[in-house]
Amino acid sequence: MKKTFVILANSIRRGCRCIAGREMTEHDGQRHWGLWIRPVSQHGEGEISTQECLCSDGTQPAVLDIVEITLTTRQDCAYQPENFIIDPSCRWQKHGTIPASSLPTIEEEPTHLWLQAGAGRTDRIQSQIALGSLEPFQSLYLIRPTKLLFRIWETLDAFRGGLRKQRRAVFSYAGTEYNLTITDPSMEARYFRPFPPHDQPPKEIAPRSPENCLLVVSLAAPFTDGYHYKVVATVLEY
């Protein structure tokens, strides 16, 4: 099957890509938006290699690109119902881009971001509770935050050794405060340079135009500790 979608998230993971977006069709000159699509591979945890998402023009897909892809089937994944398995033998086809100014027309308004009753932290949810946290359930949303700021710092990584950069989005949504990891690679050049050294306190950065910021938030696959962690996959500015 072929599907055309607009890329709204394009993170880097283990040297590969985690890509997601909204399906898009056009009829009589009018653009129609469908459900979320997260193309996945059949290796690792579903991440897509740069070769697997190479476009026919020899470039890599980017956020806001309109892309046509060939899929084999929907993946049977209850906690990420947007997942479709790609056909790795087919090149992706670019069909232009959408302007960032059109993003507010597709922002979503879930009642919350996978909250767990009685939980002390809002950046995770227990695996056995996640699927029942929202009806209908989906693992991706494009939302408008308030009181948004970015917080970055370095810590010593007790498990892997060495220093680890921490990048978080702190914001409010529907009356709840969230503090989520940012996986958007474009933020490094846009906001996170220079990065504070490990002996300095966390650095807080305000977006240039907070009223014109949208976030793609995603519920990740379950971790070994029994939690799904929530991440900010993309910070979109228009």
Protein backbone atom coordinates (compact mmCIF):
# COMPACT_ATOMS: atom_id res chain seq x y z
CA MET A 1 0.00 0.00 0.00
CA LYS A 2 1.07 3.59 -0.60
CA LYS A 3 0.42 6.46 1.81
CA THR A 4 1.28 10.13 1.63
CA PHE A 5 1.99 11.95 4.86
CA VAL A 6 3.56 15.13 6.19
CA ILE A 7 6.57 14.52 8.40
CA LEU A 8 6.14 16.14 11.81
CA ALA A 9 8.79 14.21 13.75
CA ASN A 10 12.23 13.06 12.59
CA SER A 11 14.42 12.05 15.52
CA ILE A 12 17.77 10.29 15.52
CA ARG A 13 18.08 7.04 17.43
CA ARG A 14 21.10 4.73 17.41
CA GLY A 15 22.25 6.34 14.18
CA CYS A 16 18.85 5.67 12.57
CA ARG A 17 15.61 7.62 12.27
CA CYS A 18 12.31 7.67 14.14
CA ILE A 19 9.83 9.33 11.79
CA ALA A 20 6.13 10.14 12.18
CA GLY A 21 3.54 12.43 10.65
CA ARG A 22 -0.06 12.95 9.60
CA GLU A 23 -1.54 11.30 6.54
CA MET A 24 -2.54 13.82 3.87
CA THR A 25 -4.75 13.60 0.79
CA GLU A 26 -5.82 16.25 -1.73
CA HIS A 27 -9.15 16.42 -3.53
CA ASP A 28 -10.29 19.24 -5.82
CA GLY A 29 -7.43 21.39 -4.64
CA GLN A 30 -8.35 20.91 -0.97
CA ARG A 31 -6.00 19.34 1.55
CA HIS A 32 -7.45 16.73 3.91
CA TRP A 33 -5.71 15.46 7.03
CA GLY A 34 -5.90 11.87 8.23
CA LEU A 35 -4.52 9.90 11.15
CA TRP A 36 -0.96 9.68 12.38
CA ILE A 37 1.51 7.36 10.63
CA ARG A 38 4.73 6.10 12.18
CA PRO A 39 6.67 4.07 9.57
CA VAL A 40 8.79 1.36 11.20
CA SER A 41 11.28 -1.26 10.09
CA GLN A 42 11.49 -4.91 11.04
CA HIS A 43 14.85 -4.60 12.77
CA GLY A 44 15.91 -3.33 16.18
CA GLU A 45 13.03 -1.51 17.84
CA GLY A 46 11.58 -0.40 14.51
CA GLU A 47 14.00 2.45 13.82
CA ILE A 48 14.57 3.24 10.15
CA SER A 49 18.06 3.37 8.66
CA THR A 50 19.07 6.34 6.54
CA GLN A 51 19.19 4.03 3.54
CA GLU A 52 15.64 2.80 4.15
CA CYS A 53 14.21 6.33 4.14
CA LEU A 54 16.36 7.66 1.31
CA CYS A 55 14.24 9.65 -1.13
CA SER A 56 14.32 9.21 -4.89
CA ASP A 57 16.13 12.55 -5.27
CA GLY A 58 18.99 11.27 -3.09
CA THR A 59 18.11 13.36 -0.03
CA GLN A 60 16.86 12.50 3.44
CA PRO A 61 13.29 13.44 4.43
CA ALA A 62 12.85 16.44 6.71
CA VAL A 63 10.17 17.85 8.97
CA LEU A 64 7.31 19.43 6.96
CA ASP A 65 8.15 17.40 3.83
CA ILE A 66 5.22 15.75 2.04
CA VAL A 67 6.37 12.19 1.39
CA GLU A 68 4.84 9.18 -0.34
CA ILE A 69 5.96 5.82 1.02
CA THR A 70 5.26 2.16 0.33
CA LEU A 71 4.09 0.09 3.29
CA THR A 72 3.55 -3.64 3.62
CA THR A 73 1.11 -3.85 6.52
CA ARG A 74 0.02 -2.26 9.77
CA GLN A 75 2.18 -3.41 12.67
CA ASP A 76 0.30 -5.21 15.44
CA CYS A 77 1.34 -2.86 18.25
CA ALA A 78 -1.35 -1.85 20.73
CA TYR A 79 0.71 0.87 22.45
CA GLN A 80 1.69 2.49 19.12
CA PRO A 81 -1.34 1.94 16.86
CA GLU A 82 0.08 4.38 14.28
CA ASN A 83 2.86 1.96 13.28
CA PHE A 84 3.11 0.68 9.70
CA ILE A 85 5.90 -1.56 8.40
CA ILE A 86 7.82 -0.10 5.48
CA ASP A 87 8.83 -1.85 2.26
CA PRO A 88 12.61 -1.26 2.43
CA SER A 89 13.04 -1.95 -1.29
CA CYS A 90 11.05 1.15 -2.30
CA ARG A 91 12.47 4.68 -2.31
CA TRP A 92 10.47 7.41 -0.65
CA GLN A 93 9.02 10.09 -2.92
CA LYS A 94 8.98 13.77 -1.96
CA HIS A 95 6.05 15.90 -3.09
CA GLY A 96 6.98 19.31 -1.73
CA THR A 97 6.60 20.76 1.75
CA ILE A 98 3.89 22.47 3.77
CA PRO A 99 4.42 25.93 5.28
CA ALA A 100 4.91 26.00 9.03
CA SER A 101 2.10 28.58 9.20
CA SER A 102 -0.40 25.82 8.35
CA LEU A 103 0.40 23.79 11.47
CA PRO A 104 -2.19 25.39 13.78
CA THR A 105 -4.94 23.95 11.57
CA ILE A 106 -3.98 20.42 12.64
CA GLU A 107 -3.10 20.91 16.31
CA GLU A 108 -4.86 18.52 18.67
CA GLU A 109 -6.47 18.91 22.08
CA PRO A 110 -6.34 15.68 24.09
CA THR A 111 -7.64 16.00 27.64
CA HIS A 112 -4.17 15.15 28.98
CA LEU A 113 -0.90 13.52 27.95
CA TRP A 114 -1.23 9.92 29.20
CA LEU A 115 -1.58 10.78 32.88
CA GLN A 116 -1.61 8.12 35.57
CA ALA A 117 -3.89 8.75 38.55
CA GLY A 118 -1.90 9.19 41.74
CA ALA A 119 1.47 9.22 39.97
CA GLY A 120 4.03 11.70 41.22
CA ARG A 121 5.74 12.25 37.86
CA THR A 122 4.19 13.25 34.56
CA ASP A 123 7.04 12.12 32.27
CA ARG A 124 6.10 8.40 32.39
CA ILE A 125 3.21 5.99 32.79
CA GLN A 126 3.18 2.36 33.85
CA SER A 127 2.84 -0.03 30.93
CA GLN A 128 -0.24 -1.80 32.30
CA ILE A 129 -2.06 1.54 32.63
CA ALA A 130 -0.94 3.31 29.43
CA LEU A 131 -3.49 1.80 27.02
CA GLY A 132 -6.43 2.77 29.19
CA SER A 133 -5.24 6.30 29.90
CA LEU A 134 -7.00 7.89 26.89
CA GLU A 135 -9.95 6.90 24.75
CA PRO A 136 -9.49 6.57 21.85
CA PHE A 137 -5.83 5.79 22.45
CA GLN A 138 -3.01 7.20 20.34
CA SER A 139 0.70 7.58 21.04
CA LEU A 140 1.33 10.84 19.16
CA TYR A 141 -0.16 14.31 19.48
CA LEU A 142 0.52 17.78 18.10
CA ILE A 143 -0.28 20.11 20.99
CA ARG A 144 0.05 23.77 21.97
CA PRO A 145 1.89 24.18 25.30
CA THR A 146 1.91 27.13 27.66
CA LYS A 147 4.73 28.39 29.89
CA LEU A 148 7.22 26.60 27.64
CA LEU A 149 10.94 26.70 28.34
CA PHE A 150 13.92 24.47 27.56
CA ARG A 151 16.28 23.23 30.27
CA ILE A 152 19.71 21.77 29.45
CA TRP A 153 22.58 20.48 31.59
CA GLU A 154 25.28 17.82 31.79
CA THR A 155 25.37 14.98 34.29
CA LEU A 156 27.67 12.08 35.03
CA ASP A 157 26.19 8.90 33.57
CA ALA A 158 26.47 6.29 36.30
CA PHE A 159 25.54 3.41 33.97
CA ARG A 160 27.52 4.18 30.81
CA GLY A 161 30.27 6.31 32.25
CA GLY A 162 31.28 9.76 31.08
CA LEU A 163 29.06 12.79 30.69
CA ARG A 164 25.52 12.82 29.39
CA LYS A 165 23.70 15.82 27.98
CA GLN A 166 20.20 16.37 29.31
CA ARG A 167 17.64 18.24 27.20
CA ARG A 168 14.15 18.81 28.59
CA ALA A 169 11.01 20.73 27.68
CA VAL A 170 9.18 22.16 30.67
CA PHE A 171 5.64 23.31 29.96
CA SER A 172 2.00 23.31 31.00
CA TYR A 173 -0.82 21.61 29.15
CA ALA A 174 -4.47 21.44 30.22
CA GLY A 175 -3.55 22.53 33.75
CA THR A 176 -0.74 19.97 34.27
CA GLU A 177 3.00 20.63 34.40
CA TYR A 178 5.19 18.41 32.23
CA ASN A 179 8.97 17.96 32.12
CA LEU A 180 9.86 15.77 29.14
CA THR A 181 13.02 14.73 27.32
CA ILE A 182 13.54 16.44 23.94
CA THR A 183 14.63 14.16 21.07
CA ASP A 184 14.39 16.78 18.30
CA PRO A 185 17.91 16.92 16.75
CA SER A 186 17.32 20.36 15.22
CA MET A 187 17.19 21.93 18.69
CA GLU A 188 20.95 21.60 19.06
CA ALA A 189 21.70 24.29 16.50
CA ARG A 190 18.55 26.30 17.18
CA TYR A 191 18.85 26.68 20.95
CA PHE A 192 21.37 24.40 22.68
CA ARG A 193 24.73 25.88 21.69
CA PRO A 194 26.87 26.46 23.63
CA PHE A 195 25.96 23.65 26.02
CA PRO A 196 26.74 24.36 29.71
CA PRO A 197 29.60 22.25 31.13
CA HIS A 198 28.87 19.66 33.79
CA ASP A 199 30.14 21.86 36.63
CA GLN A 200 27.58 24.56 35.81
CA PRO A 201 23.91 24.65 36.88
CA PRO A 202 21.15 23.87 34.37
CA LYS A 203 20.55 26.52 31.73
CA GLU A 204 16.99 27.61 31.01
CA ILE A 205 16.14 28.96 27.57
CA ALA A 206 12.91 30.61 26.50
CA PRO A 207 11.59 30.05 22.96
CA ARG A 208 11.90 33.08 20.72
CA SER A 209 8.17 33.25 20.12
CA PRO A 210 6.39 31.04 22.69
CA GLU A 211 2.93 31.86 21.36
CA ASN A 212 3.94 30.35 18.01
CA CYS A 213 5.28 27.01 19.32
CA LEU A 214 3.71 23.59 18.92
CA LEU A 215 5.07 20.30 20.24
CA VAL A 216 4.88 16.78 18.88
CA VAL A 217 4.68 14.60 21.99
CA SER A 218 5.15 10.84 21.76
CA LEU A 219 4.72 7.87 24.05
CA ALA A 220 7.77 5.66 23.65
CA ALA A 221 7.90 1.87 23.69
CA PRO A 222 7.93 0.30 27.18
CA PHE A 223 11.28 0.46 28.93
CA THR A 224 12.79 -2.36 30.97
CA ASP A 225 11.59 -0.72 34.20
CA GLY A 226 7.94 -1.22 33.21
CA TYR A 227 7.25 2.38 32.15
CA HIS A 228 6.44 4.13 28.90
CA TYR A 229 8.34 7.42 28.81
CA LYS A 230 6.93 10.53 27.16
CA VAL A 231 9.15 12.62 24.89
CA VAL A 232 8.97 15.83 22.91
CA ALA A 233 9.84 14.54 19.46
CA THR A 234 9.65 17.92 17.70
CA VAL A 235 9.51 21.58 18.63
CA LEU A 236 7.70 23.33 15.78
CA GLU A 237 7.84 27.10 15.38
CA TYR A 238 5.79 29.10 12.89
